[in-house]
Amino acid sequence: MNLRWTVIRDLAKDESTLEVIKDEGKYRLEDIDLEVQWTTKEWYTFQNNDFSSARGETYCIREFKREDWSVDTITRTVLTSDASYYYIHAALDAYERDRRVYSQNWNRQIPREGKVM
């Protein structure tokens, strides 16, 4: 397993980013003869004491394989905000072998009072 937390400081932009890498590598579940791979990358950014600049982003890959069968999912989620709303942008793509079999995108805004729109 590879786990890394890196702080990136851009002095010119007065921006800080925390990059988190969680790579569990490939492993096999012997009882069910399944090969699994999990990788997640996350970024959390903040600029110049500006609360509306906060941004969180995740990118995840999941792979499952057995003999000639394989499925993969790739997800990406971005969370941002302004003074009035939180904004969530998410994407999911699913593959069987190398053929995309499902794809969906979401775009939501949530008022800071907590009501979903």
PDB file of N, CA and C in Angstrom:
ATOM      1  N   MET A   1       0.850  -1.182   0.000  1.00  0.00           N
ATOM      2  CA  MET A   1       0.000   0.000   0.000  1.00  0.00           C
ATOM      3  C   MET A   1       0.889   1.236   0.000  1.00  0.00           C
ATOM      4  N   ASN A   2       0.524   2.190  -0.836  1.00  0.00           N
ATOM      5  CA  ASN A   2       1.243   3.455  -0.920  1.00  0.00           C
ATOM      6  C   ASN A   2       0.317   4.549  -0.387  1.00  0.00           C
ATOM      7  N   LEU A   3       0.727   5.213   0.676  1.00  0.00           N
ATOM      8  CA  LEU A   3      -0.049   6.294   1.266  1.00  0.00           C
ATOM      9  C   LEU A   3       0.849   7.513   1.373  1.00  0.00           C
ATOM     10  N   ARG A   4       0.378   8.636   0.821  1.00  0.00           N
ATOM     11  CA  ARG A   4       1.211   9.842   0.840  1.00  0.00           C
ATOM     12  C   ARG A   4       0.329  11.065   1.066  1.00  0.00           C
ATOM     13  N   TRP A   5       0.751  11.934   1.954  1.00  0.00           N
ATOM     14  CA  TRP A   5       0.097  13.220   2.197  1.00  0.00           C
ATOM     15  C   TRP A   5       1.141  14.294   1.921  1.00  0.00           C
ATOM     16  N   THR A   6       0.881  15.147   0.931  1.00  0.00           N
ATOM     17  CA  THR A   6       1.844  16.168   0.534  1.00  0.00           C
ATOM     18  C   THR A   6       1.182  17.536   0.576  1.00  0.00           C
ATOM     19  N   VAL A   7       1.835  18.488   1.218  1.00  0.00           N
ATOM     20  CA  VAL A   7       1.357  19.866   1.225  1.00  0.00           C
ATOM     21  C   VAL A   7       2.133  20.631   0.167  1.00  0.00           C
ATOM     22  N   ILE A   8       1.390  21.292  -0.715  1.00  0.00           N
ATOM     23  CA  ILE A   8       1.990  22.092  -1.787  1.00  0.00           C
ATOM     24  C   ILE A   8       1.659  23.546  -1.494  1.00  0.00           C
ATOM     25  N   ARG A   9       2.665  24.365  -1.380  1.00  0.00           N
ATOM     26  CA  ARG A   9       2.467  25.779  -1.055  1.00  0.00           C
ATOM     27  C   ARG A   9       2.937  26.619  -2.225  1.00  0.00           C
ATOM     28  N   ASP A  10       2.014  27.329  -2.889  1.00  0.00           N
ATOM     29  CA  ASP A  10       2.331  28.226  -3.993  1.00  0.00           C
ATOM     30  C   ASP A  10       2.385  29.643  -3.424  1.00  0.00           C
ATOM     31  N   LEU A  11       3.579  30.141  -3.207  1.00  0.00           N
ATOM     32  CA  LEU A  11       3.742  31.461  -2.580  1.00  0.00           C
ATOM     33  C   LEU A  11       3.275  32.591  -3.490  1.00  0.00           C
ATOM     34  N   ALA A  12       3.420  32.439  -4.799  1.00  0.00           N
ATOM     35  CA  ALA A  12       2.999  33.494  -5.724  1.00  0.00           C
ATOM     36  C   ALA A  12       1.486  33.691  -5.693  1.00  0.00           C
ATOM     37  N   LYS A  13       0.732  32.612  -5.548  1.00  0.00           N
ATOM     38  CA  LYS A  13      -0.728  32.697  -5.521  1.00  0.00           C
ATOM     39  C   LYS A  13      -1.283  32.748  -4.099  1.00  0.00           C
ATOM     40  N   ASP A  14      -0.410  32.561  -3.100  1.00  0.00           N
ATOM     41  CA  ASP A  14      -0.835  32.420  -1.703  1.00  0.00           C
ATOM     42  C   ASP A  14      -1.881  31.304  -1.596  1.00  0.00           C
ATOM     43  N   GLU A  15      -1.531  30.148  -2.160  1.00  0.00           N
ATOM     44  CA  GLU A  15      -2.442  29.014  -2.222  1.00  0.00           C
ATOM     45  C   GLU A  15      -1.781  27.782  -1.618  1.00  0.00           C
ATOM     46  N   SER A  16      -2.554  27.055  -0.825  1.00  0.00           N
ATOM     47  CA  SER A  16      -2.080  25.807  -0.229  1.00  0.00           C
ATOM     48  C   SER A  16      -2.948  24.662  -0.716  1.00  0.00           C
ATOM     49  N   THR A  17      -2.304  23.538  -1.034  1.00  0.00           N
ATOM     50  CA  THR A  17      -3.019  22.345  -1.474  1.00  0.00           C
ATOM     51  C   THR A  17      -2.503  21.153  -0.684  1.00  0.00           C
ATOM     52  N   LEU A  18      -3.429  20.373  -0.162  1.00  0.00           N
ATOM     53  CA  LEU A  18      -3.093  19.091   0.444  1.00  0.00           C
ATOM     54  C   LEU A  18      -3.437  18.025  -0.583  1.00  0.00           C
ATOM     55  N   GLU A  19      -2.443  17.236  -0.982  1.00  0.00           N
ATOM     56  CA  GLU A  19      -2.645  16.138  -1.923  1.00  0.00           C
ATOM     57  C   GLU A  19      -2.528  14.835  -1.143  1.00  0.00           C
ATOM     58  N   VAL A  20      -3.560  14.005  -1.245  1.00  0.00           N
ATOM     59  CA  VAL A  20      -3.579  12.726  -0.542  1.00  0.00           C
ATOM     60  C   VAL A  20      -3.663  11.614  -1.579  1.00  0.00           C
ATOM     61  N   ILE A  21      -2.713  10.703  -1.547  1.00  0.00           N
ATOM     62  CA  ILE A  21      -2.684   9.564  -2.452  1.00  0.00           C
ATOM     63  C   ILE A  21      -2.852   8.299  -1.607  1.00  0.00           C
ATOM     64  N   LYS A  22      -3.856   7.501  -1.947  1.00  0.00           N
ATOM     65  CA  LYS A  22      -4.076   6.211  -1.282  1.00  0.00           C
ATOM     66  C   LYS A  22      -4.113   5.147  -2.371  1.00  0.00           C
ATOM     67  N   ASP A  23      -3.023   4.448  -2.543  1.00  0.00           N
ATOM     68  CA  ASP A  23      -2.930   3.411  -3.571  1.00  0.00           C
ATOM     69  C   ASP A  23      -2.740   2.077  -2.869  1.00  0.00           C
ATOM     70  N   GLU A  24      -3.789   1.271  -2.864  1.00  0.00           N
ATOM     71  CA  GLU A  24      -3.726  -0.019  -2.186  1.00  0.00           C
ATOM     72  C   GLU A  24      -3.123  -1.102  -3.069  1.00  0.00           C
ATOM     73  N   GLY A  25      -2.750  -0.739  -4.295  1.00  0.00           N
ATOM     74  CA  GLY A  25      -2.150  -1.713  -5.194  1.00  0.00           C
ATOM     75  C   GLY A  25      -3.124  -2.811  -5.564  1.00  0.00           C
ATOM     76  N   LYS A  26      -2.593  -3.866  -6.155  1.00  0.00           N
ATOM     77  CA  LYS A  26      -3.419  -5.013  -6.530  1.00  0.00           C
ATOM     78  C   LYS A  26      -3.263  -6.096  -5.473  1.00  0.00           C
ATOM     79  N   TYR A  27      -4.371  -6.752  -5.166  1.00  0.00           N
ATOM     80  CA  TYR A  27      -4.318  -7.903  -4.274  1.00  0.00           C
ATOM     81  C   TYR A  27      -5.392  -8.897  -4.703  1.00  0.00           C
ATOM     82  N   ARG A  28      -5.241 -10.118  -4.282  1.00  0.00           N
ATOM     83  CA  ARG A  28      -6.146 -11.187  -4.692  1.00  0.00           C
ATOM     84  C   ARG A  28      -6.897 -11.705  -3.475  1.00  0.00           C
ATOM     85  N   LEU A  29      -8.205 -11.855  -3.652  1.00  0.00           N
ATOM     86  CA  LEU A  29      -9.042 -12.524  -2.660  1.00  0.00           C
ATOM     87  C   LEU A  29      -9.109 -13.995  -3.079  1.00  0.00           C
ATOM     88  N   GLU A  30      -8.259 -14.793  -2.480  1.00  0.00           N
ATOM     89  CA  GLU A  30      -8.081 -16.192  -2.906  1.00  0.00           C
ATOM     90  C   GLU A  30      -9.374 -17.002  -2.830  1.00  0.00           C
ATOM     91  N   ASP A  31     -10.182 -16.799  -1.788  1.00  0.00           N
ATOM     92  CA  ASP A  31     -11.398 -17.606  -1.610  1.00  0.00           C
ATOM     93  C   ASP A  31     -12.367 -17.490  -2.781  1.00  0.00           C
ATOM     94  N   ILE A  32     -12.383 -16.331  -3.425  1.00  0.00           N
ATOM     95  CA  ILE A  32     -13.309 -16.142  -4.552  1.00  0.00           C
ATOM     96  C   ILE A  32     -12.567 -15.853  -5.860  1.00  0.00           C
ATOM     97  N   ASP A  33     -11.243 -16.021  -5.838  1.00  0.00           N
ATOM     98  CA  ASP A  33     -10.406 -15.842  -7.024  1.00  0.00           C
ATOM     99  C   ASP A  33     -10.674 -14.500  -7.715  1.00  0.00           C
ATOM    100  N   LEU A  34     -10.611 -13.427  -6.928  1.00  0.00           N
ATOM    101  CA  LEU A  34     -10.895 -12.083  -7.447  1.00  0.00           C
ATOM    102  C   LEU A  34      -9.692 -11.183  -7.217  1.00  0.00           C
ATOM    103  N   GLU A  35      -9.246 -10.533  -8.279  1.00  0.00           N
ATOM    104  CA  GLU A  35      -8.171  -9.555  -8.179  1.00  0.00           C
ATOM    105  C   GLU A  35      -8.791  -8.168  -8.031  1.00  0.00           C
ATOM    106  N   VAL A  36      -8.298  -7.395  -7.080  1.00  0.00           N
ATOM    107  CA  VAL A  36      -8.863  -6.087  -6.748  1.00  0.00           C
ATOM    108  C   VAL A  36      -7.749  -5.049  -6.798  1.00  0.00           C
ATOM    109  N   GLN A  37      -8.080  -3.856  -7.299  1.00  0.00           N
ATOM    110  CA  GLN A  37      -7.142  -2.732  -7.253  1.00  0.00           C
ATOM    111  C   GLN A  37      -7.922  -1.481  -6.878  1.00  0.00           C
ATOM    112  N   TRP A  38      -7.406  -0.738  -5.896  1.00  0.00           N
ATOM    113  CA  TRP A  38      -8.050   0.501  -5.431  1.00  0.00           C
ATOM    114  C   TRP A  38      -7.017   1.616  -5.430  1.00  0.00           C
ATOM    115  N   THR A  39      -7.369   2.730  -6.057  1.00  0.00           N
ATOM    116  CA  THR A  39      -6.518   3.914  -6.035  1.00  0.00           C
ATOM    117  C   THR A  39      -7.404   5.133  -5.837  1.00  0.00           C
ATOM    118  N   THR A  40      -7.033   5.984  -4.907  1.00  0.00           N
ATOM    119  CA  THR A  40      -7.771   7.222  -4.652  1.00  0.00           C
ATOM    120  C   THR A  40      -6.775   8.371  -4.564  1.00  0.00           C
ATOM    121  N   LYS A  41      -7.110   9.464  -5.239  1.00  0.00           N
ATOM    122  CA  LYS A  41      -6.323  10.697  -5.156  1.00  0.00           C
ATOM    123  C   LYS A  41      -7.271  11.801  -4.708  1.00  0.00           C
ATOM    124  N   GLU A  42      -6.817  12.626  -3.774  1.00  0.00           N
ATOM    125  CA  GLU A  42      -7.637  13.712  -3.246  1.00  0.00           C
ATOM    126  C   GLU A  42      -6.804  14.993  -3.211  1.00  0.00           C
ATOM    127  N   TRP A  43      -7.477  16.121  -3.477  1.00  0.00           N
ATOM    128  CA  TRP A  43      -6.823  17.423  -3.393  1.00  0.00           C
ATOM    129  C   TRP A  43      -7.736  18.380  -2.635  1.00  0.00           C
ATOM    130  N   TYR A  44      -7.177  19.084  -1.677  1.00  0.00           N
ATOM    131  CA  TYR A  44      -7.910  20.082  -0.897  1.00  0.00           C
ATOM    132  C   TYR A  44      -7.130  21.385  -0.991  1.00  0.00           C
ATOM    133  N   THR A  45      -7.778  22.424  -1.541  1.00  0.00           N
ATOM    134  CA  THR A  45      -7.086  23.683  -1.845  1.00  0.00           C
ATOM    135  C   THR A  45      -7.778  24.843  -1.159  1.00  0.00           C
ATOM    136  N   PHE A  46      -6.948  25.802  -0.733  1.00  0.00           N
ATOM    137  CA  PHE A  46      -7.440  27.007  -0.058  1.00  0.00           C
ATOM    138  C   PHE A  46      -6.504  28.153  -0.452  1.00  0.00           C
ATOM    139  N   GLN A  47      -7.079  29.333  -0.710  1.00  0.00           N
ATOM    140  CA  GLN A  47      -6.257  30.449  -1.169  1.00  0.00           C
ATOM    141  C   GLN A  47      -6.501  31.701  -0.348  1.00  0.00           C
ATOM    142  N   ASN A  48      -5.419  32.274   0.155  1.00  0.00           N
ATOM    143  CA  ASN A  48      -5.377  33.633   0.690  1.00  0.00           C
ATOM    144  C   ASN A  48      -6.500  33.974   1.683  1.00  0.00           C
ATOM    145  N   ASN A  49      -6.742  33.134   2.670  1.00  0.00           N
ATOM    146  CA  ASN A  49      -7.770  33.390   3.691  1.00  0.00           C
ATOM    147  C   ASN A  49      -9.158  33.655   3.095  1.00  0.00           C
ATOM    148  N   ASP A  50      -9.414  33.174   1.896  1.00  0.00           N
ATOM    149  CA  ASP A  50     -10.696  33.372   1.225  1.00  0.00           C
ATOM    150  C   ASP A  50     -11.525  32.102   1.380  1.00  0.00           C
ATOM    151  N   PHE A  51     -12.541  32.146   2.244  1.00  0.00           N
ATOM    152  CA  PHE A  51     -13.341  30.959   2.495  1.00  0.00           C
ATOM    153  C   PHE A  51     -14.034  30.446   1.242  1.00  0.00           C
ATOM    154  N   SER A  52     -14.359  31.316   0.303  1.00  0.00           N
ATOM    155  CA  SER A  52     -15.032  30.854  -0.913  1.00  0.00           C
ATOM    156  C   SER A  52     -14.059  30.189  -1.895  1.00  0.00           C
ATOM    157  N   SER A  53     -12.766  30.207  -1.608  1.00  0.00           N
ATOM    158  CA  SER A  53     -11.789  29.567  -2.491  1.00  0.00           C
ATOM    159  C   SER A  53     -11.590  28.085  -2.168  1.00  0.00           C
ATOM    160  N   ALA A  54     -12.139  27.618  -1.063  1.00  0.00           N
ATOM    161  CA  ALA A  54     -11.938  26.213  -0.676  1.00  0.00           C
ATOM    162  C   ALA A  54     -12.469  25.284  -1.756  1.00  0.00           C
ATOM    163  N   ARG A  55     -11.701  24.247  -2.051  1.00  0.00           N
ATOM    164  CA  ARG A  55     -12.058  23.291  -3.102  1.00  0.00           C
ATOM    165  C   ARG A  55     -11.583  21.908  -2.671  1.00  0.00           C
ATOM    166  N   GLY A  56     -12.456  20.929  -2.807  1.00  0.00           N
ATOM    167  CA  GLY A  56     -12.082  19.541  -2.558  1.00  0.00           C
ATOM    168  C   GLY A  56     -12.348  18.738  -3.815  1.00  0.00           C
ATOM    169  N   GLU A  57     -11.422  17.862  -4.161  1.00  0.00           N
ATOM    170  CA  GLU A  57     -11.571  17.055  -5.368  1.00  0.00           C
ATOM    171  C   GLU A  57     -11.087  15.641  -5.081  1.00  0.00           C
ATOM    172  N   THR A  58     -11.838  14.656  -5.556  1.00  0.00           N
ATOM    173  CA  THR A  58     -11.407  13.262  -5.432  1.00  0.00           C
ATOM    174  C   THR A  58     -11.456  12.589  -6.798  1.00  0.00           C
ATOM    175  N   TYR A  59     -10.565  11.645  -6.986  1.00  0.00           N
ATOM    176  CA  TYR A  59     -10.501  10.841  -8.202  1.00  0.00           C
ATOM    177  C   TYR A  59     -10.235   9.405  -7.758  1.00  0.00           C
ATOM    178  N   CYS A  60     -11.159   8.495  -8.048  1.00  0.00           N
ATOM    179  CA  CYS A  60     -11.050   7.114  -7.553  1.00  0.00           C
ATOM    180  C   CYS A  60     -11.173   6.118  -8.697  1.00  0.00           C
ATOM    181  N   ILE A  61     -10.335   5.109  -8.651  1.00  0.00           N
ATOM    182  CA  ILE A  61     -10.390   4.012  -9.607  1.00  0.00           C
ATOM    183  C   ILE A  61     -10.521   2.718  -8.814  1.00  0.00           C
ATOM    184  N   ARG A  62     -11.493   1.885  -9.210  1.00  0.00           N
ATOM    185  CA  ARG A  62     -11.698   0.564  -8.617  1.00  0.00           C
ATOM    186  C   ARG A  62     -11.700  -0.450  -9.752  1.00  0.00           C
ATOM    187  N   GLU A  63     -10.921  -1.509  -9.600  1.00  0.00           N
ATOM    188  CA  GLU A  63     -10.843  -2.548 -10.628  1.00  0.00           C
ATOM    189  C   GLU A  63     -11.070  -3.913  -9.978  1.00  0.00           C
ATOM    190  N   PHE A  64     -11.864  -4.732 -10.655  1.00  0.00           N
ATOM    191  CA  PHE A  64     -12.156  -6.091 -10.184  1.00  0.00           C
ATOM    192  C   PHE A  64     -11.997  -7.033 -11.369  1.00  0.00           C
ATOM    193  N   LYS A  65     -11.212  -8.111 -11.200  1.00  0.00           N
ATOM    194  CA  LYS A  65     -10.943  -9.025 -12.313  1.00  0.00           C
ATOM    195  C   LYS A  65     -10.968 -10.468 -11.841  1.00  0.00           C
ATOM    196  N   ARG A  66     -11.507 -11.312 -12.721  1.00  0.00           N
ATOM    197  CA  ARG A  66     -11.509 -12.752 -12.494  1.00  0.00           C
ATOM    198  C   ARG A  66     -11.493 -13.425 -13.867  1.00  0.00           C
ATOM    199  N   GLU A  67     -10.512 -14.241 -14.125  1.00  0.00           N
ATOM    200  CA  GLU A  67     -10.359 -14.926 -15.406  1.00  0.00           C
ATOM    201  C   GLU A  67     -10.524 -13.943 -16.557  1.00  0.00           C
ATOM    202  N   ASP A  68     -11.531 -14.131 -17.441  1.00  0.00           N
ATOM    203  CA  ASP A  68     -11.694 -13.223 -18.581  1.00  0.00           C
ATOM    204  C   ASP A  68     -12.730 -12.128 -18.321  1.00  0.00           C
ATOM    205  N   TRP A  69     -13.162 -11.962 -17.079  1.00  0.00           N
ATOM    206  CA  TRP A  69     -14.147 -10.938 -16.687  1.00  0.00           C
ATOM    207  C   TRP A  69     -13.428  -9.813 -15.949  1.00  0.00           C
ATOM    208  N   SER A  70     -13.793  -8.567 -16.266  1.00  0.00           N
ATOM    209  CA  SER A  70     -13.229  -7.438 -15.522  1.00  0.00           C
ATOM    210  C   SER A  70     -14.189  -6.258 -15.575  1.00  0.00           C
ATOM    211  N   VAL A  71     -14.287  -5.558 -14.461  1.00  0.00           N
ATOM    212  CA  VAL A  71     -15.069  -4.325 -14.387  1.00  0.00           C
ATOM    213  C   VAL A  71     -14.228  -3.265 -13.682  1.00  0.00           C
ATOM    214  N   ASP A  72     -14.434  -2.025 -14.103  1.00  0.00           N
ATOM    215  CA  ASP A  72     -13.723  -0.889 -13.518  1.00  0.00           C
ATOM    216  C   ASP A  72     -14.714   0.239 -13.302  1.00  0.00           C
ATOM    217  N   THR A  73     -14.497   1.008 -12.262  1.00  0.00           N
ATOM    218  CA  THR A  73     -15.246   2.249 -12.083  1.00  0.00           C
ATOM    219  C   THR A  73     -14.248   3.381 -11.865  1.00  0.00           C
ATOM    220  N   ILE A  74     -14.600   4.524 -12.428  1.00  0.00           N
ATOM    221  CA  ILE A  74     -13.809   5.731 -12.239  1.00  0.00           C
ATOM    222  C   ILE A  74     -14.783   6.815 -11.789  1.00  0.00           C
ATOM    223  N   THR A  75     -14.475   7.443 -10.659  1.00  0.00           N
ATOM    224  CA  THR A  75     -15.320   8.522 -10.162  1.00  0.00           C
ATOM    225  C   THR A  75     -14.479   9.763  -9.940  1.00  0.00           C
ATOM    226  N   ARG A  76     -15.118  10.897 -10.133  1.00  0.00           N
ATOM    227  CA  ARG A  76     -14.479  12.190  -9.878  1.00  0.00           C
ATOM    228  C   ARG A  76     -15.523  13.083  -9.236  1.00  0.00           C
ATOM    229  N   THR A  77     -15.163  13.707  -8.134  1.00  0.00           N
ATOM    230  CA  THR A  77     -16.072  14.599  -7.417  1.00  0.00           C
ATOM    231  C   THR A  77     -15.335  15.897  -7.096  1.00  0.00           C
ATOM    232  N   VAL A  78     -16.005  17.024  -7.330  1.00  0.00           N
ATOM    233  CA  VAL A  78     -15.442  18.330  -7.008  1.00  0.00           C
ATOM    234  C   VAL A  78     -16.460  19.082  -6.158  1.00  0.00           C
ATOM    235  N   LEU A  79     -16.001  19.612  -5.039  1.00  0.00           N
ATOM    236  CA  LEU A  79     -16.841  20.412  -4.151  1.00  0.00           C
ATOM    237  C   LEU A  79     -16.238  21.805  -4.052  1.00  0.00           C
ATOM    238  N   THR A  80     -17.050  22.817  -4.365  1.00  0.00           N
ATOM    239  CA  THR A  80     -16.639  24.212  -4.214  1.00  0.00           C
ATOM    240  C   THR A  80     -17.779  24.952  -3.525  1.00  0.00           C
ATOM    241  N   SER A  81     -17.579  26.247  -3.279  1.00  0.00           N
ATOM    242  CA  SER A  81     -18.642  27.023  -2.634  1.00  0.00           C
ATOM    243  C   SER A  81     -18.450  28.500  -2.926  1.00  0.00           C
ATOM    244  N   ASP A  82     -19.514  29.241  -2.650  1.00  0.00           N
ATOM    245  CA  ASP A  82     -19.427  30.693  -2.609  1.00  0.00           C
ATOM    246  C   ASP A  82     -20.168  31.119  -1.342  1.00  0.00           C
ATOM    247  N   ALA A  83     -20.472  32.377  -1.215  1.00  0.00           N
ATOM    248  CA  ALA A  83     -21.115  32.863   0.008  1.00  0.00           C
ATOM    249  C   ALA A  83     -22.503  32.270   0.220  1.00  0.00           C
ATOM    250  N   SER A  84     -23.166  31.853  -0.839  1.00  0.00           N
ATOM    251  CA  SER A  84     -24.542  31.375  -0.732  1.00  0.00           C
ATOM    252  C   SER A  84     -24.728  29.869  -0.886  1.00  0.00           C
ATOM    253  N   TYR A  85     -23.845  29.207  -1.644  1.00  0.00           N
ATOM    254  CA  TYR A  85     -24.070  27.803  -2.008  1.00  0.00           C
ATOM    255  C   TYR A  85     -22.807  26.961  -1.904  1.00  0.00           C
ATOM    256  N   TYR A  86     -23.044  25.652  -1.723  1.00  0.00           N
ATOM    257  CA  TYR A  86     -22.034  24.627  -1.972  1.00  0.00           C
ATOM    258  C   TYR A  86     -22.362  24.054  -3.344  1.00  0.00           C
ATOM    259  N   TYR A  87     -21.336  23.758  -4.140  1.00  0.00           N
ATOM    260  CA  TYR A  87     -21.529  23.197  -5.476  1.00  0.00           C
ATOM    261  C   TYR A  87     -20.836  21.843  -5.535  1.00  0.00           C
ATOM    262  N   ILE A  88     -21.600  20.833  -5.953  1.00  0.00           N
ATOM    263  CA  ILE A  88     -21.059  19.483  -6.079  1.00  0.00           C
ATOM    264  C   ILE A  88     -21.168  19.071  -7.542  1.00  0.00           C
ATOM    265  N   HIS A  89     -20.034  18.697  -8.111  1.00  0.00           N
ATOM    266  CA  HIS A  89     -19.968  18.184  -9.476  1.00  0.00           C
ATOM    267  C   HIS A  89     -19.353  16.783  -9.373  1.00  0.00           C
ATOM    268  N   ALA A  90     -20.064  15.793  -9.871  1.00  0.00           N
ATOM    269  CA  ALA A  90     -19.587  14.418  -9.754  1.00  0.00           C
ATOM    270  C   ALA A  90     -19.792  13.677 -11.065  1.00  0.00           C
ATOM    271  N   ALA A  91     -18.895  12.736 -11.326  1.00  0.00           N
ATOM    272  CA  ALA A  91     -18.986  11.914 -12.533  1.00  0.00           C
ATOM    273  C   ALA A  91     -18.654  10.476 -12.176  1.00  0.00           C
ATOM    274  N   LEU A  92     -19.379   9.561 -12.789  1.00  0.00           N
ATOM    275  CA  LEU A  92     -19.149   8.130 -12.612  1.00  0.00           C
ATOM    276  C   LEU A  92     -19.099   7.493 -13.990  1.00  0.00           C
ATOM    277  N   ASP A  93     -18.066   6.723 -14.237  1.00  0.00           N
ATOM    278  CA  ASP A  93     -17.962   5.923 -15.456  1.00  0.00           C
ATOM    279  C   ASP A  93     -17.663   4.492 -15.046  1.00  0.00           C
ATOM    280  N   ALA A  94     -18.413   3.549 -15.614  1.00  0.00           N
ATOM    281  CA  ALA A  94     -18.220   2.126 -15.324  1.00  0.00           C
ATOM    282  C   ALA A  94     -17.898   1.393 -16.618  1.00  0.00           C
ATOM    283  N   TYR A  95     -16.960   0.470 -16.520  1.00  0.00           N
ATOM    284  CA  TYR A  95     -16.481  -0.260 -17.690  1.00  0.00           C
ATOM    285  C   TYR A  95     -16.553  -1.764 -17.440  1.00  0.00           C
ATOM    286  N   GLU A  96     -16.934  -2.502 -18.479  1.00  0.00           N
ATOM    287  CA  GLU A  96     -16.800  -3.948 -18.472  1.00  0.00           C
ATOM    288  C   GLU A  96     -15.794  -4.265 -19.560  1.00  0.00           C
ATOM    289  N   ARG A  97     -14.713  -4.893 -19.159  1.00  0.00           N
ATOM    290  CA  ARG A  97     -13.525  -4.998 -20.002  1.00  0.00           C
ATOM    291  C   ARG A  97     -13.135  -3.574 -20.377  1.00  0.00           C
ATOM    292  N   ASP A  98     -13.008  -3.242 -21.635  1.00  0.00           N
ATOM    293  CA  ASP A  98     -12.629  -1.880 -22.012  1.00  0.00           C
ATOM    294  C   ASP A  98     -13.797  -1.079 -22.571  1.00  0.00           C
ATOM    295  N   ARG A  99     -15.026  -1.583 -22.409  1.00  0.00           N
ATOM    296  CA  ARG A  99     -16.201  -0.921 -22.968  1.00  0.00           C
ATOM    297  C   ARG A  99     -16.961  -0.198 -21.858  1.00  0.00           C
ATOM    298  N   ARG A 100     -17.194   1.096 -22.061  1.00  0.00           N
ATOM    299  CA  ARG A 100     -17.959   1.841 -21.067  1.00  0.00           C
ATOM    300  C   ARG A 100     -19.410   1.383 -21.119  1.00  0.00           C
ATOM    301  N   VAL A 101     -19.949   0.955 -19.962  1.00  0.00           N
ATOM    302  CA  VAL A 101     -21.313   0.431 -19.900  1.00  0.00           C
ATOM    303  C   VAL A 101     -22.253   1.351 -19.133  1.00  0.00           C
ATOM    304  N   TYR A 102     -21.688   2.334 -18.429  1.00  0.00           N
ATOM    305  CA  TYR A 102     -22.534   3.262 -17.681  1.00  0.00           C
ATOM    306  C   TYR A 102     -21.763   4.553 -17.460  1.00  0.00           C
ATOM    307  N   SER A 103     -22.489   5.668 -17.555  1.00  0.00           N
ATOM    308  CA  SER A 103     -21.891   6.968 -17.288  1.00  0.00           C
ATOM    309  C   SER A 103     -22.975   7.897 -16.757  1.00  0.00           C
ATOM    310  N   GLN A 104     -22.648   8.625 -15.718  1.00  0.00           N
ATOM    311  CA  GLN A 104     -23.607   9.592 -15.190  1.00  0.00           C
ATOM    312  C   GLN A 104     -22.846  10.761 -14.571  1.00  0.00           C
ATOM    313  N   ASN A 105     -23.433  11.946 -14.713  1.00  0.00           N
ATOM    314  CA  ASN A 105     -22.874  13.160 -14.123  1.00  0.00           C
ATOM    315  C   ASN A 105     -23.928  13.812 -13.245  1.00  0.00           C
ATOM    316  N   TRP A 106     -23.481  14.427 -12.175  1.00  0.00           N
ATOM    317  CA  TRP A 106     -24.359  15.149 -11.266  1.00  0.00           C
ATOM    318  C   TRP A 106     -23.807  16.547 -11.059  1.00  0.00           C
ATOM    319  N   ASN A 107     -24.698  17.516 -11.009  1.00  0.00           N
ATOM    320  CA  ASN A 107     -24.353  18.892 -10.668  1.00  0.00           C
ATOM    321  C   ASN A 107     -25.418  19.374  -9.697  1.00  0.00           C
ATOM    322  N   ARG A 108     -25.019  19.662  -8.485  1.00  0.00           N
ATOM    323  CA  ARG A 108     -25.961  20.088  -7.449  1.00  0.00           C
ATOM    324  C   ARG A 108     -25.456  21.358  -6.801  1.00  0.00           C
ATOM    325  N   GLN A 109     -26.400  22.166  -6.384  1.00  0.00           N
ATOM    326  CA  GLN A 109     -26.055  23.301  -5.537  1.00  0.00           C
ATOM    327  C   GLN A 109     -26.897  23.221  -4.280  1.00  0.00           C
ATOM    328  N   ILE A 110     -26.268  23.434  -3.157  1.00  0.00           N
ATOM    329  CA  ILE A 110     -26.927  23.319  -1.871  1.00  0.00           C
ATOM    330  C   ILE A 110     -26.794  24.655  -1.151  1.00  0.00           C
ATOM    331  N   PRO A 111     -27.914  25.272  -0.830  1.00  0.00           N
ATOM    332  CA  PRO A 111     -27.827  26.556  -0.098  1.00  0.00           C
ATOM    333  C   PRO A 111     -27.108  26.343   1.231  1.00  0.00           C
ATOM    334  N   ARG A 112     -26.396  27.325   1.662  1.00  0.00           N
ATOM    335  CA  ARG A 112     -25.664  27.223   2.913  1.00  0.00           C
ATOM    336  C   ARG A 112     -26.598  27.022   4.100  1.00  0.00           C
ATOM    337  N   GLU A 113     -27.891  27.295   3.953  1.00  0.00           N
ATOM    338  CA  GLU A 113     -28.836  27.030   5.034  1.00  0.00           C
ATOM    339  C   GLU A 113     -29.126  25.545   5.176  1.00  0.00           C
ATOM    340  N   GLY A 114     -28.697  24.737   4.186  1.00  0.00           N
ATOM    341  CA  GLY A 114     -28.841  23.306   4.275  1.00  0.00           C
ATOM    342  C   GLY A 114     -29.955  22.720   3.430  1.00  0.00           C
ATOM    343  N   LYS A 115     -30.689  23.534   2.649  1.00  0.00           N
ATOM    344  CA  LYS A 115     -31.747  23.010   1.793  1.00  0.00           C
ATOM    345  C   LYS A 115     -31.165  22.645   0.435  1.00  0.00           C
ATOM    346  N   VAL A 116     -31.564  21.477  -0.084  1.00  0.00           N
ATOM    347  CA  VAL A 116     -31.078  21.022  -1.395  1.00  0.00           C
ATOM    348  C   VAL A 116     -31.945  21.637  -2.479  1.00  0.00           C
ATOM    349  N   MET A 117     -31.279  22.136  -3.552  1.00  0.00           N
ATOM    350  CA  MET A 117     -32.025  22.690  -4.700  1.00  0.00           C
ATOM    351  C   MET A 117     -31.813  21.804  -5.899  1.00  0.00           C
TER     352      MET A 117
END
